[in-house]
Protein backbone atom coordinates (compact mmCIF):
# COMPACT_ATOMS: atom_id res chain seq x y z
CA ALA A 1 32.08 -2.94 -2.40
CA PRO A 2 31.05 -5.33 0.38
CA GLY A 3 28.37 -4.22 2.77
CA GLY A 4 28.82 -3.65 6.49
CA ASP A 5 28.05 -7.32 7.07
CA GLY A 6 30.93 -8.38 4.82
CA GLN A 7 28.60 -9.76 2.17
CA PRO A 8 28.98 -8.72 -1.47
CA ALA A 9 26.95 -5.73 -2.61
CA MET A 10 23.89 -6.39 -4.73
CA THR A 11 24.80 -6.66 -8.39
CA ALA A 12 23.42 -4.35 -11.06
CA ALA A 13 21.35 -7.27 -12.31
CA GLY A 14 20.02 -7.85 -8.81
CA LYS A 15 18.99 -4.21 -8.44
CA ALA A 16 17.30 -4.28 -11.83
CA ALA A 17 15.41 -7.42 -10.83
CA LEU A 18 14.29 -5.77 -7.57
CA PHE A 19 12.97 -2.68 -9.33
CA GLN A 20 11.23 -4.79 -11.97
CA ALA A 21 9.57 -6.93 -9.29
CA ILE A 22 8.16 -3.79 -7.66
CA GLU A 23 7.00 -2.41 -11.02
CA ASN A 24 5.25 -5.73 -11.63
CA GLY A 25 3.34 -5.59 -8.35
CA LYS A 26 5.54 -6.61 -5.42
CA GLY A 27 5.27 -4.44 -2.31
CA PHE A 28 8.22 -2.57 -0.79
CA ILE A 29 8.43 -1.40 2.83
CA GLY A 30 11.21 0.96 3.95
CA VAL A 31 11.96 1.93 7.55
CA HIS A 32 14.25 4.71 8.84
CA SER A 33 17.61 4.24 7.08
CA ALA A 34 15.93 2.98 3.89
CA THR A 35 16.25 6.60 2.69
CA ASP A 36 20.02 6.39 3.34
CA THR A 37 20.49 3.55 0.87
CA TRP A 38 21.75 3.70 -2.76
CA ALA A 39 22.30 7.44 -2.57
CA SER A 40 22.01 9.71 -5.57
CA PRO A 41 25.30 10.62 -7.28
CA GLY A 42 27.25 13.09 -5.17
CA SER A 43 25.04 12.57 -2.13
CA GLU A 44 27.11 9.85 -0.49
CA VAL A 45 29.35 12.10 1.62
CA ILE A 46 28.01 14.08 4.59
CA ASP A 47 28.42 17.87 4.52
CA THR A 48 29.01 18.29 0.81
CA VAL A 49 27.04 20.70 -1.34
CA ALA A 50 25.55 17.78 -3.29
CA ARG A 51 24.27 16.28 -0.06
CA TYR A 52 21.94 19.25 0.38
CA HIS A 53 20.85 19.71 -3.22
CA ASN A 54 17.55 18.44 -4.53
CA ASP A 55 19.02 16.59 -7.49
CA GLY A 56 15.79 16.08 -9.42
CA ALA A 57 16.47 14.00 -12.52
CA ALA A 58 19.91 13.04 -11.12
CA THR A 59 18.36 11.03 -8.29
CA SER A 60 19.07 7.32 -8.20
CA SER A 61 16.48 4.82 -9.43
CA TYR A 62 16.12 3.55 -5.88
CA VAL A 63 15.42 7.02 -4.45
CA ARG A 64 12.83 7.69 -7.15
CA MET A 65 11.14 4.39 -6.29
CA LEU A 66 11.18 4.98 -2.53
CA GLY A 67 10.07 8.61 -2.75
CA GLY A 68 12.70 10.42 -0.69
CA GLU A 69 16.37 10.60 0.28
CA PHE A 70 18.32 11.23 3.47
CA ILE A 71 20.28 14.47 3.86
CA ARG A 72 21.43 14.21 7.50
CA HIS A 73 20.14 14.36 11.08
CA ASP A 74 21.00 16.35 14.17
CA ASP A 75 20.68 15.32 17.83
CA GLN A 76 17.86 13.00 18.78
CA GLN A 77 14.95 15.00 20.14
CA VAL A 78 11.22 15.18 20.66
CA ALA A 79 9.31 16.38 17.61
CA LYS A 80 5.63 16.80 16.81
CA LEU A 81 3.85 14.94 14.02
CA THR A 82 0.75 16.04 12.12
CA VAL A 83 -1.52 13.26 10.90
CA VAL A 84 -2.43 13.88 7.27
CA ASP A 85 -4.56 10.81 6.56
CA PRO A 86 -6.04 8.98 9.57
CA LYS A 87 -7.95 6.67 7.19
CA PHE A 88 -4.78 4.97 5.95
CA PRO A 89 -4.21 1.55 7.56
CA GLY A 90 -2.57 1.89 10.97
CA ILE A 91 -2.54 5.69 11.05
CA ALA A 92 -5.76 5.96 13.06
CA ALA A 93 -3.69 4.94 16.11
CA VAL A 94 -1.53 8.07 15.81
CA PRO A 95 -2.86 11.02 17.84
CA ASN A 96 -2.68 14.22 15.81
CA GLY A 97 0.13 16.31 17.28
CA LEU A 98 1.91 13.24 18.68
CA SER A 99 5.28 14.15 20.22
CA LEU A 100 7.90 11.44 19.88
CA HIS A 101 11.59 11.17 20.81
CA GLU A 102 13.51 9.88 17.81
CA GLU A 103 16.49 10.33 15.50
CA TRP A 104 14.77 12.44 12.86
CA TYR A 105 15.97 12.42 9.27
CA SER A 106 15.94 15.55 7.15
CA LEU A 107 14.89 14.43 3.67
CA LYS A 108 15.15 15.61 0.06
CA ASN A 109 14.06 14.42 -3.39
CA LEU A 110 10.51 13.92 -2.17
CA ALA A 111 8.31 12.31 -4.81
CA PRO A 112 5.58 14.74 -5.89
CA ASP A 113 3.21 11.81 -6.39
CA MET A 114 3.54 10.51 -2.82
CA HIS A 115 0.60 10.26 -0.46
CA ALA A 116 1.91 11.86 2.75
CA LEU A 117 0.68 10.30 5.98
CA LEU A 118 2.70 12.01 8.74
CA VAL A 119 4.37 15.44 8.54
CA ILE A 120 6.99 16.67 11.01
CA ASP A 121 7.02 20.15 12.55
CA ALA A 122 10.59 20.90 11.47
CA PRO A 123 10.58 24.64 12.27
CA ALA A 124 10.07 23.89 15.97
CA MET A 125 13.07 21.53 16.10
CA LYS A 126 16.65 22.19 17.20
CA GLY A 127 19.56 21.89 14.78
CA PRO A 128 20.49 23.14 11.29
CA SER A 129 19.15 20.04 9.56
CA TYR A 130 15.61 21.11 10.44
CA LYS A 131 15.79 24.76 9.40
CA ARG A 132 13.11 24.20 6.78
CA PRO A 133 9.32 24.03 6.48
CA PRO A 134 7.39 20.90 7.58
CA TYR A 135 7.97 17.81 5.44
CA PRO A 136 6.63 14.23 5.32
CA VAL A 137 8.28 11.48 7.36
CA THR A 138 5.82 8.70 6.51
CA TRP A 139 4.17 8.12 3.13
CA ALA A 140 2.80 5.70 0.56
CA ARG A 141 3.08 5.76 -3.22
CA GLN A 142 2.54 3.63 -6.28
CA GLN A 143 5.50 2.42 -8.35
CA GLY A 144 4.05 0.83 -11.45
CA LYS A 145 1.81 -1.91 -10.06
CA GLY A 146 3.80 -2.06 -6.81
CA ARG A 147 2.91 -0.45 -3.49
CA VAL A 148 5.71 1.42 -1.69
CA PHE A 149 5.49 2.41 1.99
CA TYR A 150 8.12 4.32 3.99
CA THR A 151 8.43 5.69 7.50
CA ALA A 152 11.43 7.61 8.83
CA LEU A 153 10.67 6.30 12.31
CA GLY A 154 12.51 3.30 13.68
CA HIS A 155 15.96 4.26 14.99
CA ARG A 156 15.35 3.89 18.71
CA GLU A 157 14.48 0.60 20.42
CA ASP A 158 11.77 2.27 22.48
CA VAL A 159 10.14 3.45 19.24
CA TRP A 160 9.99 -0.14 18.00
CA GLU A 161 8.37 -1.10 21.32
CA ASN A 162 5.80 1.70 21.06
CA PRO A 163 2.32 0.39 20.10
CA ILE A 164 1.73 3.49 17.97
CA PHE A 165 4.80 2.80 15.83
CA GLN A 166 3.82 -0.86 15.63
CA SER A 167 0.41 0.18 14.32
CA ILE A 168 2.02 2.46 11.70
CA LEU A 169 4.34 -0.30 10.54
CA LEU A 170 1.75 -3.09 10.51
CA GLY A 171 -0.70 -0.87 8.63
CA GLY A 172 1.96 -0.09 6.06
CA LEU A 173 2.83 -3.78 5.71
CA ASP A 174 -0.81 -4.75 5.24
CA TRP A 175 -1.26 -2.11 2.56
CA ALA A 176 2.02 -2.77 0.73
CA LEU A 177 1.28 -6.50 0.64
CA GLY A 178 -2.18 -5.88 -0.78
CA ARG A 179 -4.08 -7.19 2.23
CA VAL A 180 -6.02 -3.92 2.48
CA ASN A 181 -6.69 -1.03 0.13
CA ALA A 182 -6.39 2.72 0.70
CA ASP A 183 -6.75 5.96 -1.20
CA ILE A 184 -3.24 7.16 -2.00
CA THR A 185 -4.09 10.16 -4.15
CA PRO A 186 -0.93 12.35 -4.34
CA ASN A 187 -1.18 15.05 -1.67
CA LEU A 188 2.31 16.41 -1.04
CA ALA A 189 1.42 19.87 -2.33
CA GLN A 190 -1.46 20.08 0.12
CA ALA A 191 0.04 18.25 3.10
CA ALA A 192 3.42 20.01 3.10
CA PRO A 193 3.41 22.72 0.41
CA GLN A 194 6.97 23.91 1.11
CA ALA A 195 8.52 20.49 1.75
CA THR A 196 10.99 20.86 -1.13
CA THR A 197 12.59 23.87 0.59
CA LEU A 198 15.76 22.31 1.98
CA PRO A 199 17.94 23.28 4.96
CA PRO A 200 20.79 25.69 4.19
CA VAL A 201 24.10 24.23 3.13
CA PRO A 202 26.51 24.49 6.10
CA PRO A 203 29.42 26.93 5.62
CA LYS A 204 32.08 24.22 5.64
CA ALA A 205 30.36 22.50 2.69
CA LYS A 206 30.24 25.61 0.51
């Protein structure tokens, strides 16, 4: 089906070429709605049971490459971020405990081999999408020889204008493009040990 811009969707061959390029060493940078792209089977429709399930092996190839998948979001609000790795490029600019107003995604299918960089204090947030333990909202991981970086930030214009977000994004770009190196030892189990506990399925989806 055509995309929102009216252009044809990427072909199966095009997707395969993209994934192979990353496996072979090309970098990939995802921002905000990158986790709401090429959804896993059954996860395309909001407020369905499948939308809330952690599909494991049923996840799409794209989601497995990126390292996480969108469930939904509630009202924009201020939330607090914990810095997991201040040594990663660009993250040193983020004050630990930073509070930021944003449209926050609740995420599932988190890659166990990710290197979490920023974790959100979900239990302190308002809305059913965040009734869950803290989970990563910015991370890095290796896909074959390729470097993959993602941040859930980036919905609001004032976030894009924020020097802290700019530092996060530029650091991720530098790392993903191989301009700088960083230790990306998998740390999800330590950084957010209950991150795979998902929000409850809403009654109307049961």
